[in-house]
PDB file of N, CA and C in Angstrom:
ATOM      1  N   MET A   1      10.302 -31.864  28.410  1.00  0.00           N
ATOM      2  CA  MET A   1       9.898 -31.956  27.020  1.00  0.00           C
ATOM      3  C   MET A   1      11.169 -31.892  26.172  1.00  0.00           C
ATOM      4  N   HIS A   2      11.199 -32.690  25.139  1.00  0.00           N
ATOM      5  CA  HIS A   2      12.332 -32.716  24.215  1.00  0.00           C
ATOM      6  C   HIS A   2      12.427 -31.361  23.510  1.00  0.00           C
ATOM      7  N   PRO A   3      13.650 -30.825  23.315  1.00  0.00           N
ATOM      8  CA  PRO A   3      13.808 -29.507  22.690  1.00  0.00           C
ATOM      9  C   PRO A   3      13.144 -29.392  21.322  1.00  0.00           C
ATOM     10  N   VAL A   4      13.192 -30.447  20.516  1.00  0.00           N
ATOM     11  CA  VAL A   4      12.575 -30.390  19.192  1.00  0.00           C
ATOM     12  C   VAL A   4      11.050 -30.326  19.327  1.00  0.00           C
ATOM     13  N   ALA A   5      10.499 -31.111  20.247  1.00  0.00           N
ATOM     14  CA  ALA A   5       9.064 -31.095  20.476  1.00  0.00           C
ATOM     15  C   ALA A   5       8.621 -29.724  20.991  1.00  0.00           C
ATOM     16  N   PHE A   6       9.427 -29.165  21.898  1.00  0.00           N
ATOM     17  CA  PHE A   6       9.113 -27.839  22.423  1.00  0.00           C
ATOM     18  C   PHE A   6       9.114 -26.795  21.306  1.00  0.00           C
ATOM     19  N   LEU A   7      10.135 -26.848  20.458  1.00  0.00           N
ATOM     20  CA  LEU A   7      10.243 -25.904  19.354  1.00  0.00           C
ATOM     21  C   LEU A   7       9.069 -26.066  18.383  1.00  0.00           C
ATOM     22  N   THR A   8       8.669 -27.302  18.128  1.00  0.00           N
ATOM     23  CA  THR A   8       7.532 -27.565  17.247  1.00  0.00           C
ATOM     24  C   THR A   8       6.254 -26.974  17.824  1.00  0.00           C
ATOM     25  N   CYS A   9       6.035 -27.161  19.120  1.00  0.00           N
ATOM     26  CA  CYS A   9       4.842 -26.594  19.774  1.00  0.00           C
ATOM     27  C   CYS A   9       4.887 -25.072  19.747  1.00  0.00           C
ATOM     28  N   LEU A  10       6.034 -24.520  19.999  1.00  0.00           N
ATOM     29  CA  LEU A  10       6.194 -23.067  19.995  1.00  0.00           C
ATOM     30  C   LEU A  10       5.884 -22.492  18.622  1.00  0.00           C
ATOM     31  N   MET A  11       6.389 -23.141  17.577  1.00  0.00           N
ATOM     32  CA  MET A  11       6.152 -22.667  16.211  1.00  0.00           C
ATOM     33  C   MET A  11       4.677 -22.816  15.835  1.00  0.00           C
ATOM     34  N   ALA A  12       4.051 -23.894  16.267  1.00  0.00           N
ATOM     35  CA  ALA A  12       2.632 -24.110  15.966  1.00  0.00           C
ATOM     36  C   ALA A  12       1.785 -23.039  16.644  1.00  0.00           C
ATOM     37  N   GLY A  13       2.128 -22.710  17.873  1.00  0.00           N
ATOM     38  CA  GLY A  13       1.408 -21.657  18.589  1.00  0.00           C
ATOM     39  C   GLY A  13       1.614 -20.308  17.938  1.00  0.00           C
ATOM     40  N   ALA A  14       2.815 -20.024  17.467  1.00  0.00           N
ATOM     41  CA  ALA A  14       3.106 -18.748  16.817  1.00  0.00           C
ATOM     42  C   ALA A  14       2.310 -18.594  15.528  1.00  0.00           C
ATOM     43  N   ALA A  15       2.008 -19.698  14.881  1.00  0.00           N
ATOM     44  CA  ALA A  15       1.251 -19.629  13.631  1.00  0.00           C
ATOM     45  C   ALA A  15      -0.167 -19.114  13.866  1.00  0.00           C
ATOM     46  N   PHE A  16      -0.693 -19.288  15.079  1.00  0.00           N
ATOM     47  CA  PHE A  16      -2.046 -18.821  15.375  1.00  0.00           C
ATOM     48  C   PHE A  16      -2.100 -17.348  15.753  1.00  0.00           C
ATOM     49  N   VAL A  17      -1.000 -16.754  16.155  1.00  0.00           N
ATOM     50  CA  VAL A  17      -0.991 -15.357  16.589  1.00  0.00           C
ATOM     51  C   VAL A  17      -1.479 -14.411  15.496  1.00  0.00           C
ATOM     52  N   PRO A  18      -0.968 -14.503  14.243  1.00  0.00           N
ATOM     53  CA  PRO A  18      -1.482 -13.587  13.221  1.00  0.00           C
ATOM     54  C   PRO A  18      -2.971 -13.760  12.956  1.00  0.00           C
ATOM     55  N   THR A  19      -3.470 -14.994  13.052  1.00  0.00           N
ATOM     56  CA  THR A  19      -4.884 -15.240  12.832  1.00  0.00           C
ATOM     57  C   THR A  19      -5.716 -14.571  13.910  1.00  0.00           C
ATOM     58  N   ILE A  20      -5.277 -14.677  15.153  1.00  0.00           N
ATOM     59  CA  ILE A  20      -5.996 -14.049  16.255  1.00  0.00           C
ATOM     60  C   ILE A  20      -5.944 -12.536  16.089  1.00  0.00           C
ATOM     61  N   ALA A  21      -4.786 -11.989  15.783  1.00  0.00           N
ATOM     62  CA  ALA A  21      -4.650 -10.545  15.590  1.00  0.00           C
ATOM     63  C   ALA A  21      -5.506 -10.090  14.417  1.00  0.00           C
ATOM     64  N   SER A  22      -5.517 -10.869  13.346  1.00  0.00           N
ATOM     65  CA  SER A  22      -6.313 -10.502  12.179  1.00  0.00           C
ATOM     66  C   SER A  22      -7.801 -10.513  12.495  1.00  0.00           C
ATOM     67  N   ALA A  23      -8.235 -11.486  13.268  1.00  0.00           N
ATOM     68  CA  ALA A  23      -9.646 -11.550  13.652  1.00  0.00           C
ATOM     69  C   ALA A  23     -10.004 -10.359  14.530  1.00  0.00           C
ATOM     70  N   ALA A  24      -9.115  -9.999  15.457  1.00  0.00           N
ATOM     71  CA  ALA A  24      -9.351  -8.838  16.317  1.00  0.00           C
ATOM     72  C   ALA A  24      -9.352  -7.561  15.487  1.00  0.00           C
ATOM     73  N   ASP A  25      -8.418  -7.471  14.540  1.00  0.00           N
ATOM     74  CA  ASP A  25      -8.361  -6.303  13.665  1.00  0.00           C
ATOM     75  C   ASP A  25      -9.628  -6.199  12.822  1.00  0.00           C
ATOM     76  N   ALA A  26     -10.083  -7.320  12.279  1.00  0.00           N
ATOM     77  CA  ALA A  26     -11.292  -7.329  11.452  1.00  0.00           C
ATOM     78  C   ALA A  26     -12.502  -6.898  12.269  1.00  0.00           C
ATOM     79  N   ALA A  27     -12.573  -7.331  13.511  1.00  0.00           N
ATOM     80  CA  ALA A  27     -13.685  -6.942  14.381  1.00  0.00           C
ATOM     81  C   ALA A  27     -13.629  -5.441  14.675  1.00  0.00           C
ATOM     82  N   ALA A  28     -12.427  -4.921  14.904  1.00  0.00           N
ATOM     83  CA  ALA A  28     -12.267  -3.478  15.169  1.00  0.00           C
ATOM     84  C   ALA A  28     -12.652  -2.666  13.938  1.00  0.00           C
ATOM     85  N   VAL A  29     -12.254  -3.129  12.766  1.00  0.00           N
ATOM     86  CA  VAL A  29     -12.594  -2.427  11.518  1.00  0.00           C
ATOM     87  C   VAL A  29     -14.107  -2.424  11.319  1.00  0.00           C
ATOM     88  N   ALA A  30     -14.747  -3.570  11.521  1.00  0.00           N
ATOM     89  CA  ALA A  30     -16.206  -3.668  11.348  1.00  0.00           C
ATOM     90  C   ALA A  30     -16.940  -2.759  12.332  1.00  0.00           C
ATOM     91  N   ALA A  31     -16.499  -2.755  13.575  1.00  0.00           N
ATOM     92  CA  ALA A  31     -17.124  -1.886  14.582  1.00  0.00           C
ATOM     93  C   ALA A  31     -16.865  -0.423  14.244  1.00  0.00           C
ATOM     94  N   GLY A  32     -15.648  -0.123  13.789  1.00  0.00           N
ATOM     95  CA  GLY A  32     -15.297   1.241  13.425  1.00  0.00           C
ATOM     96  C   GLY A  32     -16.108   1.750  12.252  1.00  0.00           C
ATOM     97  N   LYS A  33     -16.395   0.878  11.306  1.00  0.00           N
ATOM     98  CA  LYS A  33     -17.209   1.268  10.148  1.00  0.00           C
ATOM     99  C   LYS A  33     -18.589   1.741  10.605  1.00  0.00           C
ATOM    100  N   LYS A  34     -19.180   1.001  11.534  1.00  0.00           N
ATOM    101  CA  LYS A  34     -20.502   1.371  12.051  1.00  0.00           C
ATOM    102  C   LYS A  34     -20.433   2.704  12.796  1.00  0.00           C
ATOM    103  N   LYS A  35     -19.414   2.863  13.616  1.00  0.00           N
ATOM    104  CA  LYS A  35     -19.283   4.081  14.416  1.00  0.00           C
ATOM    105  C   LYS A  35     -18.937   5.292  13.561  1.00  0.00           C
ATOM    106  N   ALA A  36     -18.254   5.068  12.444  1.00  0.00           N
ATOM    107  CA  ALA A  36     -17.850   6.168  11.563  1.00  0.00           C
ATOM    108  C   ALA A  36     -18.993   6.673  10.697  1.00  0.00           C
ATOM    109  N   ALA A  37     -20.159   6.044  10.781  1.00  0.00           N
ATOM    110  CA  ALA A  37     -21.305   6.511   9.992  1.00  0.00           C
ATOM    111  C   ALA A  37     -21.615   7.974  10.304  1.00  0.00           C
ATOM    112  N   ALA A  38     -21.457   8.359  11.554  1.00  0.00           N
ATOM    113  CA  ALA A  38     -21.701   9.753  11.942  1.00  0.00           C
ATOM    114  C   ALA A  38     -20.645  10.687  11.354  1.00  0.00           C
ATOM    115  N   CYS A  39     -19.484  10.166  11.035  1.00  0.00           N
ATOM    116  CA  CYS A  39     -18.383  10.973  10.483  1.00  0.00           C
ATOM    117  C   CYS A  39     -18.572  11.235   8.990  1.00  0.00           C
ATOM    118  N   ALA A  40     -19.389  10.397   8.349  1.00  0.00           N
ATOM    119  CA  ALA A  40     -19.553  10.443   6.897  1.00  0.00           C
ATOM    120  C   ALA A  40     -20.124  11.768   6.408  1.00  0.00           C
ATOM    121  N   VAL A  41     -20.875  12.454   7.239  1.00  0.00           N
ATOM    122  CA  VAL A  41     -21.465  13.734   6.847  1.00  0.00           C
ATOM    123  C   VAL A  41     -20.366  14.693   6.388  1.00  0.00           C
ATOM    124  N   CYS A  42     -19.264  14.729   7.107  1.00  0.00           N
ATOM    125  CA  CYS A  42     -18.163  15.642   6.759  1.00  0.00           C
ATOM    126  C   CYS A  42     -17.027  14.944   6.014  1.00  0.00           C
ATOM    127  N   HIS A  43     -16.714  13.709   6.409  1.00  0.00           N
ATOM    128  CA  HIS A  43     -15.541  13.024   5.874  1.00  0.00           C
ATOM    129  C   HIS A  43     -15.853  12.051   4.739  1.00  0.00           C
ATOM    130  N   GLY A  44     -17.108  11.942   4.331  1.00  0.00           N
ATOM    131  CA  GLY A  44     -17.502  11.066   3.233  1.00  0.00           C
ATOM    132  C   GLY A  44     -17.696   9.629   3.671  1.00  0.00           C
ATOM    133  N   LEU A  45     -18.558   8.913   2.962  1.00  0.00           N
ATOM    134  CA  LEU A  45     -18.809   7.500   3.273  1.00  0.00           C
ATOM    135  C   LEU A  45     -17.555   6.651   3.148  1.00  0.00           C
ATOM    136  N   ASP A  46     -16.694   7.029   2.215  1.00  0.00           N
ATOM    137  CA  ASP A  46     -15.472   6.264   1.952  1.00  0.00           C
ATOM    138  C   ASP A  46     -14.233   6.911   2.559  1.00  0.00           C
ATOM    139  N   GLY A  47     -14.433   7.911   3.424  1.00  0.00           N
ATOM    140  CA  GLY A  47     -13.304   8.597   4.040  1.00  0.00           C
ATOM    141  C   GLY A  47     -12.694   9.668   3.155  1.00  0.00           C
ATOM    142  N   LEU A  48     -13.291   9.874   1.990  1.00  0.00           N
ATOM    143  CA  LEU A  48     -12.837  10.911   1.068  1.00  0.00           C
ATOM    144  C   LEU A  48     -13.845  12.053   1.135  1.00  0.00           C
ATOM    145  N   SER A  49     -13.435  13.120   1.766  1.00  0.00           N
ATOM    146  CA  SER A  49     -14.326  14.234   2.064  1.00  0.00           C
ATOM    147  C   SER A  49     -14.805  14.961   0.818  1.00  0.00           C
ATOM    148  N   LYS A  50     -16.069  15.290   0.828  1.00  0.00           N
ATOM    149  CA  LYS A  50     -16.639  16.140  -0.220  1.00  0.00           C
ATOM    150  C   LYS A  50     -16.707  17.578   0.290  1.00  0.00           C
ATOM    151  N   ASN A  51     -16.438  17.766   1.569  1.00  0.00           N
ATOM    152  CA  ASN A  51     -16.472  19.056   2.245  1.00  0.00           C
ATOM    153  C   ASN A  51     -15.054  19.638   2.264  1.00  0.00           C
ATOM    154  N   PRO A  52     -14.843  20.819   1.697  1.00  0.00           N
ATOM    155  CA  PRO A  52     -13.491  21.380   1.633  1.00  0.00           C
ATOM    156  C   PRO A  52     -12.898  21.706   3.009  1.00  0.00           C
ATOM    157  N   ASP A  53     -13.737  21.796   4.045  1.00  0.00           N
ATOM    158  CA  ASP A  53     -13.249  22.098   5.391  1.00  0.00           C
ATOM    159  C   ASP A  53     -12.891  20.850   6.191  1.00  0.00           C
ATOM    160  N   ALA A  54     -13.178  19.675   5.661  1.00  0.00           N
ATOM    161  CA  ALA A  54     -12.915  18.425   6.375  1.00  0.00           C
ATOM    162  C   ALA A  54     -11.857  17.621   5.625  1.00  0.00           C
ATOM    163  N   PRO A  55     -10.869  17.108   6.328  1.00  0.00           N
ATOM    164  CA  PRO A  55      -9.819  16.339   5.651  1.00  0.00           C
ATOM    165  C   PRO A  55     -10.283  14.943   5.248  1.00  0.00           C
ATOM    166  N   ASN A  56      -9.604  14.401   4.241  1.00  0.00           N
ATOM    167  CA  ASN A  56      -9.781  12.990   3.903  1.00  0.00           C
ATOM    168  C   ASN A  56      -9.186  12.172   5.040  1.00  0.00           C
ATOM    169  N   LEU A  57      -9.840  11.088   5.398  1.00  0.00           N
ATOM    170  CA  LEU A  57      -9.328  10.198   6.444  1.00  0.00           C
ATOM    171  C   LEU A  57      -8.965   8.821   5.902  1.00  0.00           C
ATOM    172  N   ALA A  58      -9.445   8.498   4.717  1.00  0.00           N
ATOM    173  CA  ALA A  58      -9.184   7.180   4.128  1.00  0.00           C
ATOM    174  C   ALA A  58      -7.693   6.943   4.001  1.00  0.00           C
ATOM    175  N   GLY A  59      -7.250   5.817   4.523  1.00  0.00           N
ATOM    176  CA  GLY A  59      -5.856   5.419   4.398  1.00  0.00           C
ATOM    177  C   GLY A  59      -4.912   6.095   5.367  1.00  0.00           C
ATOM    178  N   ASP A  60      -5.407   7.007   6.211  1.00  0.00           N
ATOM    179  CA  ASP A  60      -4.532   7.643   7.200  1.00  0.00           C
ATOM    180  C   ASP A  60      -4.032   6.604   8.190  1.00  0.00           C
ATOM    181  N   ASN A  61      -2.888   6.867   8.764  1.00  0.00           N
ATOM    182  CA  ASN A  61      -2.295   6.004   9.774  1.00  0.00           C
ATOM    183  C   ASN A  61      -3.188   5.989  11.017  1.00  0.00           C
ATOM    184  N   ALA A  62      -3.483   4.811  11.542  1.00  0.00           N
ATOM    185  CA  ALA A  62      -4.372   4.677  12.705  1.00  0.00           C
ATOM    186  C   ALA A  62      -3.836   5.446  13.901  1.00  0.00           C
ATOM    187  N   ASP A  63      -2.535   5.374  14.141  1.00  0.00           N
ATOM    188  CA  ASP A  63      -1.966   6.092  15.286  1.00  0.00           C
ATOM    189  C   ASP A  63      -2.148   7.592  15.150  1.00  0.00           C
ATOM    190  N   TYR A  64      -2.048   8.110  13.939  1.00  0.00           N
ATOM    191  CA  TYR A  64      -2.256   9.537  13.699  1.00  0.00           C
ATOM    192  C   TYR A  64      -3.705   9.917  13.994  1.00  0.00           C
ATOM    193  N   ILE A  65      -4.644   9.118  13.519  1.00  0.00           N
ATOM    194  CA  ILE A  65      -6.066   9.401  13.757  1.00  0.00           C
ATOM    195  C   ILE A  65      -6.362   9.380  15.253  1.00  0.00           C
ATOM    196  N   ILE A  66      -5.833   8.381  15.946  1.00  0.00           N
ATOM    197  CA  ILE A  66      -6.021   8.286  17.402  1.00  0.00           C
ATOM    198  C   ILE A  66      -5.466   9.528  18.086  1.00  0.00           C
ATOM    199  N   LYS A  67      -4.272   9.932  17.711  1.00  0.00           N
ATOM    200  CA  LYS A  67      -3.639  11.109  18.309  1.00  0.00           C
ATOM    201  C   LYS A  67      -4.494  12.358  18.095  1.00  0.00           C
ATOM    202  N   GLN A  68      -5.031  12.519  16.891  1.00  0.00           N
ATOM    203  CA  GLN A  68      -5.838  13.706  16.603  1.00  0.00           C
ATOM    204  C   GLN A  68      -7.166  13.679  17.362  1.00  0.00           C
ATOM    205  N   LEU A  69      -7.819  12.530  17.427  1.00  0.00           N
ATOM    206  CA  LEU A  69      -9.073  12.443  18.173  1.00  0.00           C
ATOM    207  C   LEU A  69      -8.856  12.714  19.656  1.00  0.00           C
ATOM    208  N   LYS A  70      -7.765  12.210  20.206  1.00  0.00           N
ATOM    209  CA  LYS A  70      -7.449  12.473  21.619  1.00  0.00           C
ATOM    210  C   LYS A  70      -7.136  13.949  21.842  1.00  0.00           C
ATOM    211  N   ALA A  71      -6.510  14.589  20.854  1.00  0.00           N
ATOM    212  CA  ALA A  71      -6.225  16.028  20.964  1.00  0.00           C
ATOM    213  C   ALA A  71      -7.529  16.828  20.967  1.00  0.00           C
ATOM    214  N   PHE A  72      -8.505  16.423  20.155  1.00  0.00           N
ATOM    215  CA  PHE A  72      -9.815  17.077  20.180  1.00  0.00           C
ATOM    216  C   PHE A  72     -10.482  16.862  21.531  1.00  0.00           C
ATOM    217  N   GLN A  73     -10.375  15.652  22.067  1.00  0.00           N
ATOM    218  CA  GLN A  73     -10.979  15.365  23.369  1.00  0.00           C
ATOM    219  C   GLN A  73     -10.344  16.186  24.481  1.00  0.00           C
ATOM    220  N   ALA A  74      -9.029  16.351  24.418  1.00  0.00           N
ATOM    221  CA  ALA A  74      -8.296  17.082  25.449  1.00  0.00           C
ATOM    222  C   ALA A  74      -8.411  18.600  25.286  1.00  0.00           C
ATOM    223  N   GLY A  75      -8.842  19.033  24.114  1.00  0.00           N
ATOM    224  CA  GLY A  75      -8.947  20.462  23.859  1.00  0.00           C
ATOM    225  C   GLY A  75      -7.666  21.091  23.346  1.00  0.00           C
ATOM    226  N   THR A  76      -6.631  20.268  23.102  1.00  0.00           N
ATOM    227  CA  THR A  76      -5.384  20.805  22.563  1.00  0.00           C
ATOM    228  C   THR A  76      -5.464  21.029  21.065  1.00  0.00           C
ATOM    229  N   ARG A  77      -6.439  20.437  20.439  1.00  0.00           N
ATOM    230  CA  ARG A  77      -6.785  20.730  19.051  1.00  0.00           C
ATOM    231  C   ARG A  77      -8.264  21.062  19.050  1.00  0.00           C
ATOM    232  N   GLN A  78      -8.629  22.105  18.327  1.00  0.00           N
ATOM    233  CA  GLN A  78     -10.014  22.543  18.383  1.00  0.00           C
ATOM    234  C   GLN A  78     -10.609  22.760  17.001  1.00  0.00           C
ATOM    235  N   ASP A  79     -11.842  22.370  16.898  1.00  0.00           N
ATOM    236  CA  ASP A  79     -12.657  22.599  15.716  1.00  0.00           C
ATOM    237  C   ASP A  79     -14.093  22.587  16.221  1.00  0.00           C
ATOM    238  N   GLU A  80     -14.899  23.500  15.706  1.00  0.00           N
ATOM    239  CA  GLU A  80     -16.272  23.643  16.201  1.00  0.00           C
ATOM    240  C   GLU A  80     -17.030  22.316  16.224  1.00  0.00           C
ATOM    241  N   ARG A  81     -16.928  21.537  15.147  1.00  0.00           N
ATOM    242  CA  ARG A  81     -17.662  20.265  15.073  1.00  0.00           C
ATOM    243  C   ARG A  81     -16.889  19.110  15.710  1.00  0.00           C
ATOM    244  N   MET A  82     -15.610  18.996  15.381  1.00  0.00           N
ATOM    245  CA  MET A  82     -14.838  17.838  15.856  1.00  0.00           C
ATOM    246  C   MET A  82     -14.635  17.838  17.363  1.00  0.00           C
ATOM    247  N   SER A  83     -14.510  18.997  17.953  1.00  0.00           N
ATOM    248  CA  SER A  83     -14.349  19.047  19.414  1.00  0.00           C
ATOM    249  C   SER A  83     -15.564  18.443  20.099  1.00  0.00           C
ATOM    250  N   ILE A  84     -16.737  18.675  19.527  1.00  0.00           N
ATOM    251  CA  ILE A  84     -17.974  18.108  20.078  1.00  0.00           C
ATOM    252  C   ILE A  84     -18.071  16.615  19.749  1.00  0.00           C
ATOM    253  N   MET A  85     -17.813  16.259  18.497  1.00  0.00           N
ATOM    254  CA  MET A  85     -17.931  14.854  18.073  1.00  0.00           C
ATOM    255  C   MET A  85     -16.982  13.939  18.851  1.00  0.00           C
ATOM    256  N   ALA A  86     -15.762  14.390  19.059  1.00  0.00           N
ATOM    257  CA  ALA A  86     -14.755  13.559  19.731  1.00  0.00           C
ATOM    258  C   ALA A  86     -15.101  13.303  21.194  1.00  0.00           C
ATOM    259  N   GLN A  87     -15.798  14.232  21.819  1.00  0.00           N
ATOM    260  CA  GLN A  87     -16.142  14.066  23.235  1.00  0.00           C
ATOM    261  C   GLN A  87     -17.007  12.840  23.474  1.00  0.00           C
ATOM    262  N   GLY A  88     -17.812  12.467  22.511  1.00  0.00           N
ATOM    263  CA  GLY A  88     -18.707  11.330  22.672  1.00  0.00           C
ATOM    264  C   GLY A  88     -18.054   9.979  22.413  1.00  0.00           C
ATOM    265  N   LEU A  89     -16.765   9.970  22.095  1.00  0.00           N
ATOM    266  CA  LEU A  89     -16.085   8.714  21.768  1.00  0.00           C
ATOM    267  C   LEU A  89     -15.334   8.145  22.968  1.00  0.00           C
ATOM    268  N   SER A  90     -15.530   6.863  23.228  1.00  0.00           N
ATOM    269  CA  SER A  90     -14.755   6.175  24.258  1.00  0.00           C
ATOM    270  C   SER A  90     -13.373   5.838  23.689  1.00  0.00           C
ATOM    271  N   GLU A  91     -12.501   5.364  24.535  1.00  0.00           N
ATOM    272  CA  GLU A  91     -11.163   4.932  24.097  1.00  0.00           C
ATOM    273  C   GLU A  91     -11.279   3.848  23.030  1.00  0.00           C
ATOM    274  N   GLU A  92     -12.194   2.913  23.238  1.00  0.00           N
ATOM    275  CA  GLU A  92     -12.405   1.821  22.274  1.00  0.00           C
ATOM    276  C   GLU A  92     -12.979   2.351  20.965  1.00  0.00           C
ATOM    277  N   ASP A  93     -13.918   3.298  21.060  1.00  0.00           N
ATOM    278  CA  ASP A  93     -14.486   3.917  19.858  1.00  0.00           C
ATOM    279  C   ASP A  93     -13.389   4.555  19.012  1.00  0.00           C
ATOM    280  N   VAL A  94     -12.503   5.291  19.667  1.00  0.00           N
ATOM    281  CA  VAL A  94     -11.410   5.977  18.973  1.00  0.00           C
ATOM    282  C   VAL A  94     -10.552   4.965  18.217  1.00  0.00           C
ATOM    283  N   LYS A  95     -10.194   3.874  18.871  1.00  0.00           N
ATOM    284  CA  LYS A  95      -9.365   2.841  18.238  1.00  0.00           C
ATOM    285  C   LYS A  95     -10.094   2.195  17.059  1.00  0.00           C
ATOM    286  N   GLN A  96     -11.377   1.952  17.219  1.00  0.00           N
ATOM    287  CA  GLN A  96     -12.136   1.295  16.158  1.00  0.00           C
ATOM    288  C   GLN A  96     -12.358   2.209  14.960  1.00  0.00           C
ATOM    289  N   VAL A  97     -12.658   3.471  15.197  1.00  0.00           N
ATOM    290  CA  VAL A  97     -12.818   4.419  14.095  1.00  0.00           C
ATOM    291  C   VAL A  97     -11.486   4.565  13.352  1.00  0.00           C
ATOM    292  N   ALA A  98     -10.400   4.638  14.102  1.00  0.00           N
ATOM    293  CA  ALA A  98      -9.073   4.724  13.479  1.00  0.00           C
ATOM    294  C   ALA A  98      -8.766   3.469  12.665  1.00  0.00           C
ATOM    295  N   ALA A  99      -9.151   2.311  13.190  1.00  0.00           N
ATOM    296  CA  ALA A  99      -8.940   1.057  12.457  1.00  0.00           C
ATOM    297  C   ALA A  99      -9.711   1.066  11.148  1.00  0.00           C
ATOM    298  N   TRP A 100     -10.945   1.570  11.176  1.00  0.00           N
ATOM    299  CA  TRP A 100     -11.762   1.631   9.965  1.00  0.00           C
ATOM    300  C   TRP A 100     -11.105   2.515   8.913  1.00  0.00           C
ATOM    301  N   TYR A 101     -10.831   3.755   9.269  1.00  0.00           N
ATOM    302  CA  TYR A 101     -10.296   4.679   8.275  1.00  0.00           C
ATOM    303  C   TYR A 101      -8.918   4.245   7.768  1.00  0.00           C
ATOM    304  N   SER A 102      -8.100   3.694   8.641  1.00  0.00           N
ATOM    305  CA  SER A 102      -6.770   3.265   8.196  1.00  0.00           C
ATOM    306  C   SER A 102      -6.826   2.019   7.313  1.00  0.00           C
ATOM    307  N   SER A 103      -7.922   1.269   7.391  1.00  0.00           N
ATOM    308  CA  SER A 103      -8.049   0.049   6.580  1.00  0.00           C
ATOM    309  C   SER A 103      -8.493   0.339   5.149  1.00  0.00           C
ATOM    310  N   ILE A 104      -8.985   1.551   4.900  1.00  0.00           N
ATOM    311  CA  ILE A 104      -9.445   1.901   3.559  1.00  0.00           C
ATOM    312  C   ILE A 104      -8.237   2.064   2.643  1.00  0.00           C
ATOM    313  N   LYS A 105      -8.250   1.364   1.544  1.00  0.00           N
ATOM    314  CA  LYS A 105      -7.140   1.420   0.584  1.00  0.00           C
ATOM    315  C   LYS A 105      -7.323   2.604  -0.347  1.00  0.00           C
ATOM    316  N   VAL A 106      -6.274   3.385  -0.481  1.00  0.00           N
ATOM    317  CA  VAL A 106      -6.287   4.554  -1.355  1.00  0.00           C
ATOM    318  C   VAL A 106      -5.172   4.382  -2.371  1.00  0.00           C
ATOM    319  N   THR A 107      -5.470   4.662  -3.608  1.00  0.00           N
ATOM    320  CA  THR A 107      -4.444   4.592  -4.641  1.00  0.00           C
ATOM    321  C   THR A 107      -4.173   5.996  -5.169  1.00  0.00           C
ATOM    322  N   ALA A 108      -2.978   6.185  -5.655  1.00  0.00           N
ATOM    323  CA  ALA A 108      -2.586   7.479  -6.202  1.00  0.00           C
ATOM    324  C   ALA A 108      -2.032   7.265  -7.608  1.00  0.00           C
ATOM    325  N   GLU A 109      -2.241   8.231  -8.448  1.00  0.00           N
ATOM    326  CA  GLU A 109      -1.732   8.161  -9.806  1.00  0.00           C
ATOM    327  C   GLU A 109      -0.870   9.398 -10.038  1.00  0.00           C
ATOM    328  N   MET A 110       0.338   9.169 -10.443  1.00  0.00           N
ATOM    329  CA  MET A 110       1.266  10.263 -10.724  1.00  0.00           C
ATOM    330  C   MET A 110       0.843  10.987 -11.991  1.00  0.00           C
ATOM    331  N   PRO A 111       0.977  12.322 -12.023  1.00  0.00           N
ATOM    332  CA  PRO A 111       0.643  13.034 -13.252  1.00  0.00           C
ATOM    333  C   PRO A 111       1.614  12.689 -14.368  1.00  0.00           C
ATOM    334  N   GLN A 112       1.161  12.822 -15.584  1.00  0.00           N
ATOM    335  CA  GLN A 112       2.013  12.505 -16.747  1.00  0.00           C
ATOM    336  C   GLN A 112       3.028  13.594 -16.976  1.00  0.00           C
TER     337      GLN A 112
END
């Protein structure tokens, strides 16, 4: 194959990678939203907790959420409710719930 033709094909293929990743991300977010319905009791429908004992999850980093859920599953982090809730989550569930909460946009306003 001619080098220019090869480069053109390579670039065309690379253009589809973000679309595929975005579609996979969108599917994970949608699945996570459904699975996070059980979390809404403590963490709020929008990830902004109305319960002073539960943290806000909206806008948190997905890797951080995954790490914390795995810590609850392993027993290295403990909470009466979360230790039980996390046990019922599969690896895929954890990733999808994290994708949902991390996808929520949060804005902040500096005090005057």
